[in-house]
PDB file of N, CA and C in Angstrom:
ATOM      1  N   UNK A   1     345.522  83.520 -32.293  1.00  0.00           N
ATOM      2  CA  UNK A   1     345.212  84.362 -31.141  1.00  0.00           C
ATOM      3  C   UNK A   1     346.433  85.213 -30.797  1.00  0.00           C
ATOM      4  N   UNK A   2     346.171  86.440 -30.545  1.00  0.00           N
ATOM      5  CA  UNK A   2     347.229  87.377 -30.191  1.00  0.00           C
ATOM      6  C   UNK A   2     347.460  87.345 -28.685  1.00  0.00           C
ATOM      7  N   UNK A   3     348.699  87.293 -28.270  1.00  0.00           N
ATOM      8  CA  UNK A   3     349.007  87.230 -26.837  1.00  0.00           C
ATOM      9  C   UNK A   3     348.574  88.498 -26.108  1.00  0.00           C
ATOM     10  N   UNK A   4     348.607  89.631 -26.824  1.00  0.00           N
ATOM     11  CA  UNK A   4     348.157  90.877 -26.213  1.00  0.00           C
ATOM     12  C   UNK A   4     346.666  90.815 -25.895  1.00  0.00           C
ATOM     13  N   UNK A   5     345.901  90.208 -26.794  1.00  0.00           N
ATOM     14  CA  UNK A   5     344.460  90.070 -26.597  1.00  0.00           C
ATOM     15  C   UNK A   5     344.159  89.156 -25.411  1.00  0.00           C
ATOM     16  N   UNK A   6     344.914  88.071 -25.297  1.00  0.00           N
ATOM     17  CA  UNK A   6     344.727  87.152 -24.168  1.00  0.00           C
ATOM     18  C   UNK A   6     345.078  87.858 -22.855  1.00  0.00           C
ATOM     19  N   UNK A   7     346.162  88.632 -22.858  1.00  0.00           N
ATOM     20  CA  UNK A   7     346.542  89.378 -21.652  1.00  0.00           C
ATOM     21  C   UNK A   7     345.481  90.393 -21.259  1.00  0.00           C
ATOM     22  N   UNK A   8     344.901  91.076 -22.254  1.00  0.00           N
ATOM     23  CA  UNK A   8     343.842  92.047 -21.963  1.00  0.00           C
ATOM     24  C   UNK A   8     342.606  91.345 -21.405  1.00  0.00           C
ATOM     25  N   UNK A   9     342.296  90.174 -21.961  1.00  0.00           N
ATOM     26  CA  UNK A   9     341.151  89.408 -21.463  1.00  0.00           C
ATOM     27  C   UNK A   9     341.351  88.953 -20.031  1.00  0.00           C
ATOM     28  N   UNK A  10     342.563  88.515 -19.712  1.00  0.00           N
ATOM     29  CA  UNK A  10     342.846  88.102 -18.335  1.00  0.00           C
ATOM     30  C   UNK A  10     342.777  89.281 -17.375  1.00  0.00           C
ATOM     31  N   UNK A  11     343.232  90.446 -17.830  1.00  0.00           N
ATOM     32  CA  UNK A  11     343.180  91.643 -16.991  1.00  0.00           C
ATOM     33  C   UNK A  11     341.722  92.040 -16.713  1.00  0.00           C
ATOM     34  N   UNK A  12     340.885  91.996 -17.741  1.00  0.00           N
ATOM     35  CA  UNK A  12     339.468  92.344 -17.578  1.00  0.00           C
ATOM     36  C   UNK A  12     338.776  91.354 -16.651  1.00  0.00           C
ATOM     37  N   UNK A  13     339.062  90.050 -16.812  1.00  0.00           N
ATOM     38  CA  UNK A  13     338.435  89.069 -15.931  1.00  0.00           C
ATOM     39  C   UNK A  13     338.936  89.198 -14.500  1.00  0.00           C
ATOM     40  N   UNK A  14     340.190  89.591 -14.305  1.00  0.00           N
ATOM     41  CA  UNK A  14     340.703  89.811 -12.943  1.00  0.00           C
ATOM     42  C   UNK A  14     340.004  90.999 -12.294  1.00  0.00           C
ATOM     43  N   UNK A  15     339.810  92.079 -13.066  1.00  0.00           N
ATOM     44  CA  UNK A  15     339.079  93.227 -12.518  1.00  0.00           C
ATOM     45  C   UNK A  15     337.635  92.856 -12.205  1.00  0.00           C
ATOM     46  N   UNK A  16     337.026  92.052 -13.048  1.00  0.00           N
ATOM     47  CA  UNK A  16     335.650  91.621 -12.811  1.00  0.00           C
ATOM     48  C   UNK A  16     335.523  90.800 -11.545  1.00  0.00           C
ATOM     49  N   UNK A  17     336.405  89.820 -11.392  1.00  0.00           N
ATOM     50  CA  UNK A  17     336.362  88.987 -10.187  1.00  0.00           C
ATOM     51  C   UNK A  17     336.690  89.804  -8.945  1.00  0.00           C
ATOM     52  N   UNK A  18     337.632  90.726  -9.081  1.00  0.00           N
ATOM     53  CA  UNK A  18     337.959  91.602  -7.958  1.00  0.00           C
ATOM     54  C   UNK A  18     336.765  92.448  -7.537  1.00  0.00           C
ATOM     55  N   UNK A  19     336.029  92.943  -8.515  1.00  0.00           N
ATOM     56  CA  UNK A  19     334.839  93.734  -8.217  1.00  0.00           C
ATOM     57  C   UNK A  19     333.767  92.913  -7.528  1.00  0.00           C
ATOM     58  N   UNK A  20     333.583  91.686  -7.983  1.00  0.00           N
ATOM     59  CA  UNK A  20     332.574  90.810  -7.372  1.00  0.00           C
ATOM     60  C   UNK A  20     332.944  90.520  -5.921  1.00  0.00           C
ATOM     61  N   UNK A  21     334.199  90.175  -5.670  1.00  0.00           N
ATOM     62  CA  UNK A  21     334.603  89.881  -4.300  1.00  0.00           C
ATOM     63  C   UNK A  21     334.568  91.130  -3.418  1.00  0.00           C
ATOM     64  N   UNK A  22     334.862  92.304  -3.982  1.00  0.00           N
ATOM     65  CA  UNK A  22     334.783  93.545  -3.211  1.00  0.00           C
ATOM     66  C   UNK A  22     333.346  93.809  -2.773  1.00  0.00           C
ATOM     67  N   UNK A  23     332.387  93.580  -3.673  1.00  0.00           N
ATOM     68  CA  UNK A  23     330.976  93.789  -3.331  1.00  0.00           C
ATOM     69  C   UNK A  23     330.533  92.766  -2.293  1.00  0.00           C
ATOM     70  N   UNK A  24     330.977  91.526  -2.421  1.00  0.00           N
ATOM     71  CA  UNK A  24     330.617  90.512  -1.432  1.00  0.00           C
ATOM     72  C   UNK A  24     331.175  90.853  -0.048  1.00  0.00           C
ATOM     73  N   UNK A  25     332.398  91.323   0.015  1.00  0.00           N
ATOM     74  CA  UNK A  25     333.000  91.709   1.296  1.00  0.00           C
ATOM     75  C   UNK A  25     332.268  92.919   1.877  1.00  0.00           C
ATOM     76  N   UNK A  26     331.913  93.884   1.019  1.00  0.00           N
ATOM     77  CA  UNK A  26     331.159  95.049   1.475  1.00  0.00           C
ATOM     78  C   UNK A  26     329.799  94.637   2.027  1.00  0.00           C
ATOM     79  N   UNK A  27     329.126  93.719   1.348  1.00  0.00           N
ATOM     80  CA  UNK A  27     327.827  93.222   1.809  1.00  0.00           C
ATOM     81  C   UNK A  27     327.963  92.509   3.152  1.00  0.00           C
ATOM     82  N   UNK A  28     329.002  91.711   3.314  1.00  0.00           N
ATOM     83  CA  UNK A  28     329.249  91.002   4.568  1.00  0.00           C
ATOM     84  C   UNK A  28     329.471  91.992   5.713  1.00  0.00           C
ATOM     85  N   UNK A  29     330.303  93.016   5.463  1.00  0.00           N
ATOM     86  CA  UNK A  29     330.580  94.013   6.505  1.00  0.00           C
ATOM     87  C   UNK A  29     329.324  94.806   6.859  1.00  0.00           C
ATOM     88  N   UNK A  30     328.541  95.170   5.854  1.00  0.00           N
ATOM     89  CA  UNK A  30     327.307  95.915   6.116  1.00  0.00           C
ATOM     90  C   UNK A  30     326.343  95.076   6.947  1.00  0.00           C
ATOM     91  N   UNK A  31     326.258  93.780   6.667  1.00  0.00           N
ATOM     92  CA  UNK A  31     325.381  92.895   7.437  1.00  0.00           C
ATOM     93  C   UNK A  31     325.859  92.790   8.881  1.00  0.00           C
ATOM     94  N   UNK A  32     327.163  92.660   9.079  1.00  0.00           N
ATOM     95  CA  UNK A  32     327.705  92.576  10.437  1.00  0.00           C
ATOM     96  C   UNK A  32     327.408  93.856  11.223  1.00  0.00           C
ATOM     97  N   UNK A  33     327.565  95.013  10.574  1.00  0.00           N
ATOM     98  CA  UNK A  33     327.308  96.294  11.244  1.00  0.00           C
ATOM     99  C   UNK A  33     325.829  96.421  11.601  1.00  0.00           C
ATOM    100  N   UNK A  34     324.948  96.031  10.676  1.00  0.00           N
ATOM    101  CA  UNK A  34     323.509  96.102  10.970  1.00  0.00           C
ATOM    102  C   UNK A  34     323.127  95.160  12.112  1.00  0.00           C
ATOM    103  N   UNK A  35     323.729  93.972  12.156  1.00  0.00           N
ATOM    104  CA  UNK A  35     323.451  93.049  13.255  1.00  0.00           C
ATOM    105  C   UNK A  35     323.934  93.619  14.584  1.00  0.00           C
ATOM    106  N   UNK A  36     325.075  94.288  14.570  1.00  0.00           N
ATOM    107  CA  UNK A  36     325.597  94.889  15.788  1.00  0.00           C
ATOM    108  C   UNK A  36     324.634  95.949  16.321  1.00  0.00           C
ATOM    109  N   UNK A  37     324.135  96.815  15.433  1.00  0.00           N
ATOM    110  CA  UNK A  37     323.183  97.840  15.855  1.00  0.00           C
ATOM    111  C   UNK A  37     321.859  97.238  16.303  1.00  0.00           C
ATOM    112  N   UNK A  38     321.418  96.168  15.642  1.00  0.00           N
ATOM    113  CA  UNK A  38     320.157  95.526  16.022  1.00  0.00           C
ATOM    114  C   UNK A  38     320.271  94.907  17.414  1.00  0.00           C
ATOM    115  N   UNK A  39     321.412  94.307  17.718  1.00  0.00           N
ATOM    116  CA  UNK A  39     321.599  93.704  19.040  1.00  0.00           C
ATOM    117  C   UNK A  39     321.668  94.769  20.123  1.00  0.00           C
ATOM    118  N   UNK A  40     322.307  95.909  19.815  1.00  0.00           N
ATOM    119  CA  UNK A  40     322.365  96.998  20.796  1.00  0.00           C
ATOM    120  C   UNK A  40     320.981  97.543  21.093  1.00  0.00           C
ATOM    121  N   UNK A  41     320.176  97.739  20.041  1.00  0.00           N
ATOM    122  CA  UNK A  41     318.829  98.290  20.260  1.00  0.00           C
ATOM    123  C   UNK A  41     317.939  97.285  20.962  1.00  0.00           C
ATOM    124  N   UNK A  42     318.133  95.984  20.747  1.00  0.00           N
ATOM    125  CA  UNK A  42     317.354  94.963  21.433  1.00  0.00           C
ATOM    126  C   UNK A  42     317.686  94.939  22.917  1.00  0.00           C
ATOM    127  N   UNK A  43     318.960  95.161  23.264  1.00  0.00           N
ATOM    128  CA  UNK A  43     319.357  95.193  24.674  1.00  0.00           C
ATOM    129  C   UNK A  43     318.768  96.409  25.367  1.00  0.00           C
ATOM    130  N   UNK A  44     318.684  97.550  24.663  1.00  0.00           N
ATOM    131  CA  UNK A  44     318.120  98.763  25.258  1.00  0.00           C
ATOM    132  C   UNK A  44     316.648  98.590  25.596  1.00  0.00           C
ATOM    133  N   UNK A  45     315.916  97.857  24.742  1.00  0.00           N
ATOM    134  CA  UNK A  45     314.472  97.692  24.938  1.00  0.00           C
ATOM    135  C   UNK A  45     314.151  96.756  26.095  1.00  0.00           C
ATOM    136  N   UNK A  46     315.094  95.908  26.482  1.00  0.00           N
ATOM    137  CA  UNK A  46     314.833  94.973  27.580  1.00  0.00           C
ATOM    138  C   UNK A  46     314.820  95.628  28.924  1.00  0.00           C
TER     139      UNK A  46
END
């Protein structure tokens, strides 16, 4: 096994995991924002 190949593989897996966590954080923030707007509109209707 070539050390350069192992380093490239680790770099690709780090980018992959980073992308997955970025999407999860984006999804979490989008859900929080939608809940905030839903609560505001529910208060207006009361």
